[in-house]
Amino acid sequence: ALGDDGGFTRCLVQKLLVYGLGRALQPGDASAVD
């Protein structure tokens, strides 16, 4: 149910990256997520 469109994986990457960086993601961080 969660994995059909890749949205769950993108969200998980973003949340773990926020935790790892210790800050909110910024618009310029989108390329790193991609």
All heavy atoms as atom14 arrays in JSON, in Angstrom:
{
  "sequence": "ALGDDGGFTRCLVQKLLVYGLGRALQPGDASAVD",
  "atom14_mask": [
    [1, 1, 1, 1, 1, 0, 0, 0, 0, 0, 0, 0, 0, 0],
    [1, 1, 1, 1, 1, 1, 1, 1, 0, 0, 0, 0, 0, 0],
    [1, 1, 1, 1, 0, 0, 0, 0, 0, 0, 0, 0, 0, 0],
    [1, 1, 1, 1, 1, 1, 1, 1, 0, 0, 0, 0, 0, 0],
    [1, 1, 1, 1, 1, 1, 1, 1, 0, 0, 0, 0, 0, 0],
    [1, 1, 1, 1, 0, 0, 0, 0, 0, 0, 0, 0, 0, 0],
    [1, 1, 1, 1, 0, 0, 0, 0, 0, 0, 0, 0, 0, 0],
    [1, 1, 1, 1, 1, 1, 1, 1, 1, 1, 1, 0, 0, 0],
    [1, 1, 1, 1, 1, 1, 1, 0, 0, 0, 0, 0, 0, 0],
    [1, 1, 1, 1, 1, 1, 1, 1, 1, 1, 1, 0, 0, 0],
    [1, 1, 1, 1, 1, 1, 0, 0, 0, 0, 0, 0, 0, 0],
    [1, 1, 1, 1, 1, 1, 1, 1, 0, 0, 0, 0, 0, 0],
    [1, 1, 1, 1, 1, 1, 1, 0, 0, 0, 0, 0, 0, 0],
    [1, 1, 1, 1, 1, 1, 1, 1, 1, 0, 0, 0, 0, 0],
    [1, 1, 1, 1, 1, 1, 1, 1, 1, 0, 0, 0, 0, 0],
    [1, 1, 1, 1, 1, 1, 1, 1, 0, 0, 0, 0, 0, 0],
    [1, 1, 1, 1, 1, 1, 1, 1, 0, 0, 0, 0, 0, 0],
    [1, 1, 1, 1, 1, 1, 1, 0, 0, 0, 0, 0, 0, 0],
    [1, 1, 1, 1, 1, 1, 1, 1, 1, 1, 1, 1, 0, 0],
    [1, 1, 1, 1, 0, 0, 0, 0, 0, 0, 0, 0, 0, 0],
    [1, 1, 1, 1, 1, 1, 1, 1, 0, 0, 0, 0, 0, 0],
    [1, 1, 1, 1, 0, 0, 0, 0, 0, 0, 0, 0, 0, 0],
    [1, 1, 1, 1, 1, 1, 1, 1, 1, 1, 1, 0, 0, 0],
    [1, 1, 1, 1, 1, 0, 0, 0, 0, 0, 0, 0, 0, 0],
    [1, 1, 1, 1, 1, 1, 1, 1, 0, 0, 0, 0, 0, 0],
    [1, 1, 1, 1, 1, 1, 1, 1, 1, 0, 0, 0, 0, 0],
    [1, 1, 1, 1, 1, 1, 1, 0, 0, 0, 0, 0, 0, 0],
    [1, 1, 1, 1, 0, 0, 0, 0, 0, 0, 0, 0, 0, 0],
    [1, 1, 1, 1, 1, 1, 1, 1, 0, 0, 0, 0, 0, 0],
    [1, 1, 1, 1, 1, 0, 0, 0, 0, 0, 0, 0, 0, 0],
    [1, 1, 1, 1, 1, 1, 0, 0, 0, 0, 0, 0, 0, 0],
    [1, 1, 1, 1, 1, 0, 0, 0, 0, 0, 0, 0, 0, 0],
    [1, 1, 1, 1, 1, 1, 1, 0, 0, 0, 0, 0, 0, 0],
    [1, 1, 1, 1, 1, 1, 1, 1, 0, 0, 0, 0, 0, 0]
  ],
  "atom14_positions": [
    [[0.82, -1.21, 0.0], [0.0, 0.0, 0.0], [0.86, 1.26, 0.0], [0.53, 2.25, -0.66], [-0.94, 0.0, 1.21], [0.0, 0.0, 0.0], [0.0, 0.0, 0.0], [0.0, 0.0, 0.0], [0.0, 0.0, 0.0], [0.0, 0.0, 0.0], [0.0, 0.0, 0.0], [0.0, 0.0, 0.0], [0.0, 0.0, 0.0], [0.0, 0.0, 0.0]],
    [[1.97, 1.24, 0.71], [2.83, 2.42, 0.8], [3.81, 2.54, -0.35], [4.21, 3.65, -0.7], [3.62, 2.39, 2.12], [2.81, 2.54, 3.39], [3.72, 2.38, 4.6], [2.08, 3.86, 3.43], [0.0, 0.0, 0.0], [0.0, 0.0, 0.0], [0.0, 0.0, 0.0], [0.0, 0.0, 0.0], [0.0, 0.0, 0.0], [0.0, 0.0, 0.0]],
    [[4.2, 1.42, -0.94], [5.28, 1.44, -1.91], [4.87, 1.56, -3.36], [5.72, 1.47, -4.23], [0.0, 0.0, 0.0], [0.0, 0.0, 0.0], [0.0, 0.0, 0.0], [0.0, 0.0, 0.0], [0.0, 0.0, 0.0], [0.0, 0.0, 0.0], [0.0, 0.0, 0.0], [0.0, 0.0, 0.0], [0.0, 0.0, 0.0], [0.0, 0.0, 0.0]],
    [[3.62, 1.79, -3.65], [3.17, 1.79, -5.04], [3.79, 2.89, -5.89], [4.16, 2.67, -7.03], [1.64, 1.89, -5.11], [0.96, 0.6, -4.7], [1.63, -0.44, -4.65], [-0.24, 0.65, -4.42], [0.0, 0.0, 0.0], [0.0, 0.0, 0.0], [0.0, 0.0, 0.0], [0.0, 0.0, 0.0], [0.0, 0.0, 0.0], [0.0, 0.0, 0.0]],
    [[3.95, 4.1, -5.36], [4.4, 5.21, -6.2], [5.77, 5.75, -5.8], [6.23, 6.73, -6.39], [3.39, 6.34, -6.17], [3.23, 6.96, -4.79], [3.84, 6.46, -3.83], [2.49, 7.95, -4.66], [0.0, 0.0, 0.0], [0.0, 0.0, 0.0], [0.0, 0.0, 0.0], [0.0, 0.0, 0.0], [0.0, 0.0, 0.0], [0.0, 0.0, 0.0]],
    [[6.43, 5.16, -4.83], [7.75, 5.64, -4.41], [7.69, 6.78, -3.42], [8.73, 7.24, -2.94], [0.0, 0.0, 0.0], [0.0, 0.0, 0.0], [0.0, 0.0, 0.0], [0.0, 0.0, 0.0], [0.0, 0.0, 0.0], [0.0, 0.0, 0.0], [0.0, 0.0, 0.0], [0.0, 0.0, 0.0], [0.0, 0.0, 0.0], [0.0, 0.0, 0.0]],
    [[6.51, 7.27, -3.12], [6.36, 8.39, -2.19], [6.83, 8.06, -0.78], [7.43, 8.9, -0.11], [0.0, 0.0, 0.0], [0.0, 0.0, 0.0], [0.0, 0.0, 0.0], [0.0, 0.0, 0.0], [0.0, 0.0, 0.0], [0.0, 0.0, 0.0], [0.0, 0.0, 0.0], [0.0, 0.0, 0.0], [0.0, 0.0, 0.0], [0.0, 0.0, 0.0]],
    [[6.59, 6.84, -0.35], [7.02, 6.44, 0.98], [8.54, 6.46, 1.09], [9.1, 6.98, 2.05], [6.48, 5.05, 1.33], [6.99, 4.54, 2.65], [6.47, 5.01, 3.84], [8.03, 3.63, 2.71], [6.94, 4.56, 5.06], [8.52, 3.18, 3.92], [7.97, 3.65, 5.11], [0.0, 0.0, 0.0], [0.0, 0.0, 0.0], [0.0, 0.0, 0.0]],
    [[9.22, 5.92, 0.08], [10.68, 5.87, 0.1], [11.26, 7.28, 0.09], [12.19, 7.58, 0.83], [11.22, 5.05, -1.08], [10.63, 3.75, -1.04], [12.72, 4.92, -1.02], [0.0, 0.0, 0.0], [0.0, 0.0, 0.0], [0.0, 0.0, 0.0], [0.0, 0.0, 0.0], [0.0, 0.0, 0.0], [0.0, 0.0, 0.0], [0.0, 0.0, 0.0]],
    [[10.72, 8.17, -0.75], [11.18, 9.56, -0.79], [11.0, 10.22, 0.58], [11.9, 10.88, 1.08], [10.44, 10.35, -1.87], [10.81, 11.84, -1.87], [10.19, 12.57, -3.03], [10.82, 12.2, -4.29], [11.96, 12.73, -4.72], [12.6, 13.62, -4.01], [12.47, 12.34, -5.87], [0.0, 0.0, 0.0], [0.0, 0.0, 0.0], [0.0, 0.0, 0.0]],
    [[9.84, 10.03, 1.18], [9.58, 10.63, 2.5], [10.54, 10.08, 3.54], [11.07, 10.84, 4.36], [8.13, 10.36, 2.9], [7.67, 11.15, 4.45], [0.0, 0.0, 0.0], [0.0, 0.0, 0.0], [0.0, 0.0, 0.0], [0.0, 0.0, 0.0], [0.0, 0.0, 0.0], [0.0, 0.0, 0.0], [0.0, 0.0, 0.0], [0.0, 0.0, 0.0]],
    [[10.8, 8.78, 3.51], [11.73, 8.17, 4.47], [13.13, 8.73, 4.3], [13.8, 9.07, 5.28], [11.73, 6.65, 4.31], [12.63, 5.88, 5.27], [12.22, 6.12, 6.72], [12.59, 4.39, 4.95], [0.0, 0.0, 0.0], [0.0, 0.0, 0.0], [0.0, 0.0, 0.0], [0.0, 0.0, 0.0], [0.0, 0.0, 0.0], [0.0, 0.0, 0.0]],
    [[13.59, 8.87, 3.06], [14.91, 9.45, 2.8], [14.96, 10.88, 3.35], [15.92, 11.26, 4.02], [15.25, 9.43, 1.29], [16.46, 10.3, 0.99], [15.5, 8.0, 0.83], [0.0, 0.0, 0.0], [0.0, 0.0, 0.0], [0.0, 0.0, 0.0], [0.0, 0.0, 0.0], [0.0, 0.0, 0.0], [0.0, 0.0, 0.0], [0.0, 0.0, 0.0]],
    [[13.93, 11.65, 3.08], [13.91, 13.04, 3.56], [13.95, 13.11, 5.08], [14.71, 13.9, 5.66], [12.66, 13.76, 3.03], [12.7, 14.0, 1.55], [11.39, 14.51, 1.0], [10.32, 14.28, 1.57], [11.45, 15.2, -0.13], [0.0, 0.0, 0.0], [0.0, 0.0, 0.0], [0.0, 0.0, 0.0], [0.0, 0.0, 0.0], [0.0, 0.0, 0.0]],
    [[13.14, 12.3, 5.74], [13.09, 12.33, 7.21], [14.42, 11.88, 7.82], [14.89, 12.46, 8.81], [11.94, 11.47, 7.74], [10.57, 11.94, 7.32], [10.29, 13.33, 7.82], [8.89, 13.76, 7.41], [8.58, 15.12, 7.82], [0.0, 0.0, 0.0], [0.0, 0.0, 0.0], [0.0, 0.0, 0.0], [0.0, 0.0, 0.0], [0.0, 0.0, 0.0]],
    [[15.02, 10.83, 7.27], [16.31, 10.37, 7.8], [17.41, 11.38, 7.52], [18.33, 11.54, 8.33], [16.67, 9.01, 7.21], [15.82, 7.83, 7.69], [16.18, 6.55, 6.93], [15.98, 7.62, 9.19], [0.0, 0.0, 0.0], [0.0, 0.0, 0.0], [0.0, 0.0, 0.0], [0.0, 0.0, 0.0], [0.0, 0.0, 0.0], [0.0, 0.0, 0.0]],
    [[17.33, 12.07, 6.39], [18.31, 13.1, 6.07], [18.18, 14.29, 7.03], [19.19, 14.83, 7.49], [18.13, 13.54, 4.62], [19.27, 14.3, 3.97], [20.61, 13.58, 4.12], [18.97, 14.51, 2.49], [0.0, 0.0, 0.0], [0.0, 0.0, 0.0], [0.0, 0.0, 0.0], [0.0, 0.0, 0.0], [0.0, 0.0, 0.0], [0.0, 0.0, 0.0]],
    [[16.96, 14.67, 7.35], [16.73, 15.73, 8.34], [17.38, 15.34, 9.67], [18.08, 16.14, 10.3], [15.23, 16.01, 8.53], [14.95, 16.83, 9.79], [14.66, 16.72, 7.31], [0.0, 0.0, 0.0], [0.0, 0.0, 0.0], [0.0, 0.0, 0.0], [0.0, 0.0, 0.0], [0.0, 0.0, 0.0], [0.0, 0.0, 0.0], [0.0, 0.0, 0.0]],
    [[17.16, 14.11, 10.08], [17.74, 13.63, 11.34], [19.26, 13.64, 11.26], [19.94, 14.11, 12.17], [17.23, 12.22, 11.65], [17.78, 11.66, 12.92], [17.28, 12.06, 14.16], [18.82, 10.74, 12.9], [17.8, 11.56, 15.34], [19.34, 10.23, 14.08], [18.83, 10.64, 15.29], [19.34, 10.15, 16.45], [0.0, 0.0, 0.0], [0.0, 0.0, 0.0]],
    [[19.81, 13.13, 10.16], [21.27, 13.05, 10.01], [21.94, 14.41, 9.93], [23.05, 14.59, 10.42], [0.0, 0.0, 0.0], [0.0, 0.0, 0.0], [0.0, 0.0, 0.0], [0.0, 0.0, 0.0], [0.0, 0.0, 0.0], [0.0, 0.0, 0.0], [0.0, 0.0, 0.0], [0.0, 0.0, 0.0], [0.0, 0.0, 0.0], [0.0, 0.0, 0.0]],
    [[21.27, 15.36, 9.29], [21.85, 16.7, 9.15], [21.62, 17.56, 10.39], [22.34, 18.53, 10.62], [21.26, 17.42, 7.93], [21.56, 16.8, 6.58], [20.79, 17.54, 5.48], [23.05, 16.81, 6.29], [0.0, 0.0, 0.0], [0.0, 0.0, 0.0], [0.0, 0.0, 0.0], [0.0, 0.0, 0.0], [0.0, 0.0, 0.0], [0.0, 0.0, 0.0]],
    [[20.6, 17.22, 11.16], [20.28, 18.02, 12.34], [19.64, 19.35, 11.98], [19.72, 20.31, 12.74], [0.0, 0.0, 0.0], [0.0, 0.0, 0.0], [0.0, 0.0, 0.0], [0.0, 0.0, 0.0], [0.0, 0.0, 0.0], [0.0, 0.0, 0.0], [0.0, 0.0, 0.0], [0.0, 0.0, 0.0], [0.0, 0.0, 0.0], [0.0, 0.0, 0.0]],
    [[19.02, 19.41, 10.82], [18.35, 20.63, 10.38], [17.28, 20.28, 9.36], [17.26, 19.18, 8.81], [19.35, 21.6, 9.76], [20.0, 21.09, 8.47], [20.69, 22.21, 7.71], [21.42, 21.75, 6.54], [20.85, 21.5, 5.36], [19.56, 21.63, 5.19], [21.6, 21.1, 4.33], [0.0, 0.0, 0.0], [0.0, 0.0, 0.0], [0.0, 0.0, 0.0]],
    [[16.41, 21.24, 9.11], [15.37, 21.04, 8.09], [16.0, 21.04, 6.7], [17.05, 21.64, 6.48], [14.32, 22.14, 8.2], [0.0, 0.0, 0.0], [0.0, 0.0, 0.0], [0.0, 0.0, 0.0], [0.0, 0.0, 0.0], [0.0, 0.0, 0.0], [0.0, 0.0, 0.0], [0.0, 0.0, 0.0], [0.0, 0.0, 0.0], [0.0, 0.0, 0.0]],
    [[15.35, 20.36, 5.78], [15.82, 20.38, 4.4], [15.52, 21.74, 3.78], [14.52, 22.37, 4.09], [15.15, 19.28, 3.57], [15.52, 17.85, 3.95], [14.82, 16.86, 3.04], [17.02, 17.63, 3.91], [0.0, 0.0, 0.0], [0.0, 0.0, 0.0], [0.0, 0.0, 0.0], [0.0, 0.0, 0.0], [0.0, 0.0, 0.0], [0.0, 0.0, 0.0]],
    [[16.39, 22.15, 2.89], [16.24, 23.41, 2.18], [15.99, 23.1, 0.71], [16.29, 22.0, 0.25], [17.5, 24.25, 2.37], [17.77, 24.56, 3.83], [19.16, 25.13, 4.08], [19.98, 25.24, 3.18], [19.42, 25.48, 5.32], [0.0, 0.0, 0.0], [0.0, 0.0, 0.0], [0.0, 0.0, 0.0], [0.0, 0.0, 0.0], [0.0, 0.0, 0.0]],
    [[15.46, 24.07, -0.04], [15.17, 23.8, -1.45], [16.37, 23.25, -2.23], [16.21, 22.38, -3.09], [14.76, 25.17, -2.0], [14.18, 25.87, -0.81], [15.01, 25.4, 0.36], [0.0, 0.0, 0.0], [0.0, 0.0, 0.0], [0.0, 0.0, 0.0], [0.0, 0.0, 0.0], [0.0, 0.0, 0.0], [0.0, 0.0, 0.0], [0.0, 0.0, 0.0]],
    [[17.57, 23.68, -1.92], [18.76, 23.2, -2.62], [19.13, 21.76, -2.3], [19.98, 21.17, -2.96], [0.0, 0.0, 0.0], [0.0, 0.0, 0.0], [0.0, 0.0, 0.0], [0.0, 0.0, 0.0], [0.0, 0.0, 0.0], [0.0, 0.0, 0.0], [0.0, 0.0, 0.0], [0.0, 0.0, 0.0], [0.0, 0.0, 0.0], [0.0, 0.0, 0.0]],
    [[18.5, 21.18, -1.29], [18.79, 19.8, -0.89], [18.06, 18.77, -1.73], [18.33, 17.58, -1.63], [18.42, 19.59, 0.59], [19.23, 20.47, 1.53], [20.33, 20.91, 1.14], [18.74, 20.72, 2.65], [0.0, 0.0, 0.0], [0.0, 0.0, 0.0], [0.0, 0.0, 0.0], [0.0, 0.0, 0.0], [0.0, 0.0, 0.0], [0.0, 0.0, 0.0]],
    [[17.14, 19.21, -2.58], [16.33, 18.28, -3.38], [17.2, 17.41, -4.28], [16.91, 16.22, -4.47], [15.3, 19.04, -4.2], [0.0, 0.0, 0.0], [0.0, 0.0, 0.0], [0.0, 0.0, 0.0], [0.0, 0.0, 0.0], [0.0, 0.0, 0.0], [0.0, 0.0, 0.0], [0.0, 0.0, 0.0], [0.0, 0.0, 0.0], [0.0, 0.0, 0.0]],
    [[18.28, 17.98, -4.81], [19.14, 17.18, -5.7], [19.84, 16.07, -4.93], [20.08, 14.98, -5.47], [20.16, 18.07, -6.41], [21.0, 18.71, -5.47], [0.0, 0.0, 0.0], [0.0, 0.0, 0.0], [0.0, 0.0, 0.0], [0.0, 0.0, 0.0], [0.0, 0.0, 0.0], [0.0, 0.0, 0.0], [0.0, 0.0, 0.0], [0.0, 0.0, 0.0]],
    [[20.17, 16.31, -3.67], [20.8, 15.26, -2.84], [19.8, 14.14, -2.58], [20.17, 12.96, -2.64], [21.3, 15.84, -1.53], [0.0, 0.0, 0.0], [0.0, 0.0, 0.0], [0.0, 0.0, 0.0], [0.0, 0.0, 0.0], [0.0, 0.0, 0.0], [0.0, 0.0, 0.0], [0.0, 0.0, 0.0], [0.0, 0.0, 0.0], [0.0, 0.0, 0.0]],
    [[18.56, 14.49, -2.31], [17.51, 13.47, -2.1], [17.34, 12.66, -3.38], [17.29, 11.43, -3.34], [16.18, 14.13, -1.68], [15.05, 13.1, -1.65], [16.32, 14.79, -0.32], [0.0, 0.0, 0.0], [0.0, 0.0, 0.0], [0.0, 0.0, 0.0], [0.0, 0.0, 0.0], [0.0, 0.0, 0.0], [0.0, 0.0, 0.0], [0.0, 0.0, 0.0]],
    [[17.29, 13.34, -4.53], [17.14, 12.64, -5.81], [18.32, 11.7, -6.07], [18.13, 10.59, -6.56], [17.02, 13.65, -6.96], [15.72, 14.43, -6.92], [14.75, 13.96, -6.27], [15.66, 15.51, -7.53], [0.0, 0.0, 0.0], [0.0, 0.0, 0.0], [0.0, 0.0, 0.0], [0.0, 0.0, 0.0], [0.0, 0.0, 0.0], [0.0, 0.0, 0.0]]
  ]
}
